Amino acid sequence: MAVPKFKVSKARTRRRRSINMRMTAPNLISCSSCGNKILRHRVCPKCGFYKGQQVLESVEMA
């Protein structure tokens, strides 16, 4: 069984952990009707479109 020969420093341990726990930015796509950046599989809050169909009344239209 492998046994560490030397103590691993706090800096080295924290550096290794921070690389694995790094947050990734959300994947944003542009809305097909207005071009607004939105999360995938969500209704566009600006125009109210989802998959090319109007599903919500937008604030600008009302």
Protein backbone atom coordinates (compact mmCIF):
# COMPACT_ATOMS: atom_id res chain seq x y z
CA MET A 1 0.00 0.00 0.00
CA ALA A 2 1.30 3.47 -0.89
CA VAL A 3 2.24 5.68 2.03
CA PRO A 4 3.12 9.38 1.61
CA LYS A 5 6.82 10.04 2.20
CA PHE A 6 6.34 13.75 3.02
CA LYS A 7 3.55 15.89 4.41
CA VAL A 8 1.52 17.63 1.70
CA SER A 9 1.37 21.36 2.36
CA LYS A 10 -1.89 23.25 2.83
CA ALA A 11 -1.21 25.34 -0.26
CA ARG A 12 -0.73 22.28 -2.48
CA THR A 13 -3.85 20.60 -1.07
CA ARG A 14 -5.99 23.71 -1.46
CA ARG A 15 -4.70 24.34 -4.98
CA ARG A 16 -5.64 20.80 -6.01
CA ARG A 17 -9.10 21.10 -4.45
CA SER A 18 -9.78 24.53 -5.93
CA ILE A 19 -9.15 23.26 -9.46
CA ASN A 20 -11.74 20.53 -9.03
CA MET A 21 -14.31 22.76 -7.31
CA ARG A 22 -14.12 25.56 -9.88
CA MET A 23 -17.53 26.82 -10.97
CA THR A 24 -18.33 26.80 -14.67
CA ALA A 25 -20.20 29.59 -16.41
CA PRO A 26 -23.73 28.71 -17.55
CA ASN A 27 -24.13 27.88 -21.23
CA LEU A 28 -26.10 30.75 -22.71
CA ILE A 29 -27.73 30.67 -26.13
CA SER A 30 -29.33 33.47 -28.10
CA CYS A 31 -33.13 33.60 -28.40
CA SER A 32 -34.30 32.69 -31.90
CA SER A 33 -36.76 35.58 -32.08
CA CYS A 34 -35.13 38.53 -30.29
CA GLY A 35 -31.47 37.49 -29.90
CA ASN A 36 -31.45 37.91 -26.10
CA LYS A 37 -29.01 35.63 -24.21
CA ILE A 38 -30.96 32.99 -22.22
CA LEU A 39 -30.40 29.62 -20.54
CA ARG A 40 -31.25 26.56 -22.62
CA HIS A 41 -34.79 25.10 -22.38
CA ARG A 42 -36.20 28.27 -20.77
CA VAL A 43 -38.76 30.81 -21.91
CA CYS A 44 -37.18 34.09 -23.01
CA PRO A 45 -38.11 36.72 -20.39
CA LYS A 46 -37.77 39.53 -22.92
CA CYS A 47 -40.09 38.33 -25.71
CA GLY A 48 -41.88 35.31 -24.16
CA PHE A 49 -40.96 32.86 -26.93
CA TYR A 50 -40.01 29.19 -26.45
CA LYS A 51 -39.13 26.92 -29.39
CA GLY A 52 -40.46 29.49 -31.85
CA GLN A 53 -43.88 29.83 -30.21
CA GLN A 54 -45.21 32.66 -28.04
CA VAL A 55 -46.00 31.18 -24.62
CA LEU A 56 -45.95 34.32 -22.43
CA GLU A 57 -47.14 37.87 -22.89
CA SER A 58 -44.06 40.04 -22.70
CA VAL A 59 -44.03 43.25 -20.65
CA GLU A 60 -43.07 45.32 -23.71
CA MET A 61 -46.07 44.12 -25.76
CA ALA A 62 -48.69 44.58 -23.01
